[in-house]
Amino acid sequence: MLIGSREFKVLVARTYAQQVEGWSDKDNMRGYSGLIFMYPAGTYPAMVMRHMRFGLDILWVNGGQIVDMAPDLSWRD
């Protein structure tokens, strides 16, 4: 995936089941920079990552540009 001029190695959550699973029950991102969730333009889906074992930055990207960000989201018991 290209954001601006930087390239990132990412997984794509193509199915609803993959979107629900996300990074749940994983110890790390296994060499990837992120996980992409594709949604129709104009929608604002909620992001829930159950059973997270590491912190996340969530970025909203449109047309290869970051349009919003939720940095340093940490899992809490």
N, C-alpha and C. Protein backbone atom coordinates (compact mmCIF):
# COMPACT_ATOMS: atom_id res chain seq x y z
N MET A 1 0.85 -1.17 0.00
CA MET A 1 0.00 0.00 0.00
C MET A 1 0.89 1.23 0.00
N LEU A 2 0.49 2.23 -0.74
CA LEU A 2 1.22 3.49 -0.84
C LEU A 2 0.43 4.58 -0.12
N ILE A 3 1.07 5.23 0.86
CA ILE A 3 0.49 6.40 1.52
C ILE A 3 1.47 7.53 1.29
N GLY A 4 1.01 8.54 0.55
CA GLY A 4 1.94 9.58 0.12
C GLY A 4 3.00 8.93 -0.74
N SER A 5 4.26 9.06 -0.36
CA SER A 5 5.34 8.43 -1.13
C SER A 5 5.93 7.21 -0.41
N ARG A 6 5.32 6.81 0.73
CA ARG A 6 5.83 5.65 1.48
C ARG A 6 5.04 4.40 1.16
N GLU A 7 5.76 3.31 1.00
CA GLU A 7 5.13 2.02 0.73
C GLU A 7 5.12 1.19 2.01
N PHE A 8 3.98 0.51 2.27
CA PHE A 8 3.80 -0.31 3.45
C PHE A 8 3.37 -1.70 3.05
N LYS A 9 3.90 -2.72 3.74
CA LYS A 9 3.47 -4.11 3.54
C LYS A 9 2.31 -4.35 4.49
N VAL A 10 1.11 -4.57 3.94
CA VAL A 10 -0.09 -4.71 4.75
C VAL A 10 -0.89 -5.94 4.34
N LEU A 11 -1.67 -6.44 5.28
CA LEU A 11 -2.68 -7.46 4.98
C LEU A 11 -3.98 -6.74 4.67
N VAL A 12 -4.85 -7.38 3.91
CA VAL A 12 -6.16 -6.80 3.60
C VAL A 12 -7.24 -7.72 4.17
N ALA A 13 -8.09 -7.16 5.03
CA ALA A 13 -9.23 -7.89 5.58
C ALA A 13 -10.34 -7.83 4.54
N ARG A 14 -10.43 -8.84 3.70
CA ARG A 14 -11.37 -8.84 2.57
C ARG A 14 -12.77 -9.30 2.95
N THR A 15 -12.88 -10.14 3.96
CA THR A 15 -14.19 -10.67 4.33
C THR A 15 -14.63 -10.10 5.68
N TYR A 16 -15.91 -10.21 5.95
CA TYR A 16 -16.43 -9.75 7.24
C TYR A 16 -15.74 -10.50 8.39
N ALA A 17 -15.55 -11.81 8.22
CA ALA A 17 -14.89 -12.62 9.26
C ALA A 17 -13.47 -12.12 9.52
N GLN A 18 -12.73 -11.76 8.48
CA GLN A 18 -11.38 -11.23 8.65
C GLN A 18 -11.42 -9.87 9.34
N GLN A 19 -12.41 -9.05 9.04
CA GLN A 19 -12.54 -7.75 9.69
C GLN A 19 -12.85 -7.92 11.17
N VAL A 20 -13.71 -8.87 11.51
CA VAL A 20 -14.05 -9.10 12.91
C VAL A 20 -12.83 -9.63 13.67
N GLU A 21 -12.07 -10.51 13.05
CA GLU A 21 -10.89 -11.08 13.70
C GLU A 21 -9.79 -10.04 13.88
N GLY A 22 -9.51 -9.25 12.83
CA GLY A 22 -8.44 -8.25 12.91
C GLY A 22 -7.16 -8.83 13.47
N TRP A 23 -6.55 -8.15 14.44
CA TRP A 23 -5.33 -8.62 15.09
C TRP A 23 -5.64 -9.33 16.40
N SER A 24 -6.90 -9.66 16.65
CA SER A 24 -7.27 -10.34 17.91
C SER A 24 -6.48 -11.62 18.10
N ASP A 25 -6.06 -11.84 19.33
CA ASP A 25 -5.35 -13.06 19.73
C ASP A 25 -4.01 -13.25 19.03
N LYS A 26 -3.45 -12.18 18.48
CA LYS A 26 -2.12 -12.23 17.87
C LYS A 26 -1.14 -11.53 18.81
N ASP A 27 0.11 -11.99 18.85
CA ASP A 27 1.13 -11.37 19.70
C ASP A 27 1.80 -10.18 19.02
N ASN A 28 1.76 -10.15 17.69
CA ASN A 28 2.37 -9.06 16.94
C ASN A 28 1.80 -9.06 15.53
N MET A 29 2.26 -8.15 14.69
CA MET A 29 1.72 -8.02 13.33
C MET A 29 2.48 -8.87 12.31
N ARG A 30 3.31 -9.78 12.78
CA ARG A 30 3.98 -10.79 11.94
C ARG A 30 4.69 -10.21 10.73
N GLY A 31 5.43 -9.11 10.92
CA GLY A 31 6.21 -8.53 9.83
C GLY A 31 5.46 -7.58 8.93
N TYR A 32 4.18 -7.38 9.18
CA TYR A 32 3.40 -6.44 8.38
C TYR A 32 3.37 -5.08 9.07
N SER A 33 3.13 -4.04 8.30
CA SER A 33 3.00 -2.68 8.85
C SER A 33 1.57 -2.39 9.27
N GLY A 34 0.62 -3.20 8.81
CA GLY A 34 -0.76 -2.92 9.17
C GLY A 34 -1.74 -3.89 8.56
N LEU A 35 -3.01 -3.60 8.80
CA LEU A 35 -4.14 -4.38 8.30
C LEU A 35 -5.14 -3.39 7.73
N ILE A 36 -5.50 -3.58 6.48
CA ILE A 36 -6.40 -2.66 5.78
C ILE A 36 -7.83 -3.19 5.82
N PHE A 37 -8.75 -2.31 6.18
CA PHE A 37 -10.18 -2.60 6.14
C PHE A 37 -10.77 -1.69 5.07
N MET A 38 -11.39 -2.26 4.07
CA MET A 38 -11.98 -1.48 2.98
C MET A 38 -13.46 -1.26 3.25
N TYR A 39 -13.88 0.01 3.23
CA TYR A 39 -15.28 0.36 3.45
C TYR A 39 -15.72 1.33 2.38
N PRO A 40 -17.00 1.34 2.05
CA PRO A 40 -17.51 2.29 1.05
C PRO A 40 -17.30 3.73 1.51
N ALA A 41 -17.06 4.61 0.57
CA ALA A 41 -16.88 6.03 0.87
C ALA A 41 -18.10 6.56 1.60
N GLY A 42 -17.86 7.46 2.56
CA GLY A 42 -18.95 8.09 3.28
C GLY A 42 -19.44 7.30 4.49
N THR A 43 -18.86 6.11 4.74
CA THR A 43 -19.25 5.35 5.92
C THR A 43 -18.25 5.60 7.04
N TYR A 44 -18.68 5.43 8.27
CA TYR A 44 -17.83 5.64 9.44
C TYR A 44 -17.97 4.44 10.38
N PRO A 45 -17.33 3.32 10.02
CA PRO A 45 -17.47 2.12 10.83
C PRO A 45 -16.74 2.23 12.16
N ALA A 46 -17.25 1.57 13.16
CA ALA A 46 -16.58 1.50 14.46
C ALA A 46 -15.46 0.47 14.37
N MET A 47 -14.39 0.72 15.06
CA MET A 47 -13.27 -0.22 15.10
C MET A 47 -13.19 -0.80 16.50
N VAL A 48 -13.29 -2.11 16.59
CA VAL A 48 -13.18 -2.81 17.87
C VAL A 48 -12.15 -3.91 17.69
N MET A 49 -11.15 -3.91 18.54
CA MET A 49 -10.12 -4.95 18.48
C MET A 49 -10.10 -5.67 19.82
N ARG A 50 -10.84 -6.76 19.88
CA ARG A 50 -10.92 -7.55 21.11
C ARG A 50 -9.67 -8.40 21.27
N HIS A 51 -9.29 -8.62 22.51
CA HIS A 51 -8.17 -9.51 22.84
C HIS A 51 -6.86 -9.05 22.20
N MET A 52 -6.66 -7.75 22.16
CA MET A 52 -5.42 -7.19 21.60
C MET A 52 -4.27 -7.41 22.57
N ARG A 53 -3.10 -7.69 22.04
CA ARG A 53 -1.91 -7.90 22.87
C ARG A 53 -0.83 -6.86 22.59
N PHE A 54 -1.14 -5.87 21.76
CA PHE A 54 -0.18 -4.81 21.45
C PHE A 54 -0.96 -3.56 21.05
N GLY A 55 -0.32 -2.41 21.17
CA GLY A 55 -0.97 -1.14 20.83
C GLY A 55 -1.07 -0.94 19.32
N LEU A 56 -1.99 -0.06 18.93
CA LEU A 56 -2.23 0.22 17.51
C LEU A 56 -2.30 1.72 17.26
N ASP A 57 -1.99 2.09 16.04
CA ASP A 57 -2.35 3.38 15.48
C ASP A 57 -3.40 3.07 14.42
N ILE A 58 -4.53 3.74 14.45
CA ILE A 58 -5.54 3.55 13.40
C ILE A 58 -5.51 4.77 12.51
N LEU A 59 -5.38 4.53 11.20
CA LEU A 59 -5.35 5.60 10.21
C LEU A 59 -6.53 5.44 9.28
N TRP A 60 -7.15 6.54 8.91
CA TRP A 60 -8.17 6.55 7.88
C TRP A 60 -7.52 7.15 6.65
N VAL A 61 -7.55 6.40 5.55
CA VAL A 61 -6.85 6.79 4.33
C VAL A 61 -7.86 6.91 3.20
N ASN A 62 -7.73 7.98 2.41
CA ASN A 62 -8.60 8.18 1.26
C ASN A 62 -7.73 8.72 0.13
N GLY A 63 -7.74 8.03 -0.99
CA GLY A 63 -6.95 8.48 -2.13
C GLY A 63 -5.46 8.54 -1.86
N GLY A 64 -4.96 7.62 -1.01
CA GLY A 64 -3.53 7.58 -0.72
C GLY A 64 -3.07 8.63 0.28
N GLN A 65 -3.99 9.36 0.88
CA GLN A 65 -3.65 10.39 1.87
C GLN A 65 -4.31 10.07 3.20
N ILE A 66 -3.59 10.30 4.30
CA ILE A 66 -4.16 10.11 5.64
C ILE A 66 -5.13 11.25 5.90
N VAL A 67 -6.39 10.90 6.22
CA VAL A 67 -7.41 11.92 6.47
C VAL A 67 -7.79 12.02 7.95
N ASP A 68 -7.44 11.01 8.75
CA ASP A 68 -7.68 11.07 10.19
C ASP A 68 -6.80 10.01 10.84
N MET A 69 -6.60 10.15 12.15
CA MET A 69 -5.71 9.24 12.86
C MET A 69 -6.12 9.12 14.32
N ALA A 70 -5.99 7.92 14.85
CA ALA A 70 -6.16 7.65 16.28
C ALA A 70 -4.87 6.96 16.73
N PRO A 71 -3.89 7.71 17.23
CA PRO A 71 -2.59 7.14 17.56
C PRO A 71 -2.54 6.49 18.94
N ASP A 72 -1.62 5.56 19.09
CA ASP A 72 -1.27 4.96 20.37
C ASP A 72 -2.45 4.38 21.14
N LEU A 73 -3.28 3.60 20.48
CA LEU A 73 -4.39 2.93 21.17
C LEU A 73 -3.85 1.67 21.80
N SER A 74 -3.98 1.57 23.10
CA SER A 74 -3.42 0.43 23.82
C SER A 74 -4.51 -0.46 24.37
N TRP A 75 -4.21 -1.72 24.44
CA TRP A 75 -5.10 -2.70 25.02
C TRP A 75 -5.07 -2.54 26.53
N ARG A 76 -6.22 -2.61 27.15
CA ARG A 76 -6.31 -2.55 28.59
C ARG A 76 -7.13 -3.73 29.09
N ASP A 77 -6.70 -4.29 30.18
CA ASP A 77 -7.38 -5.45 30.77
C ASP A 77 -8.61 -5.02 31.51
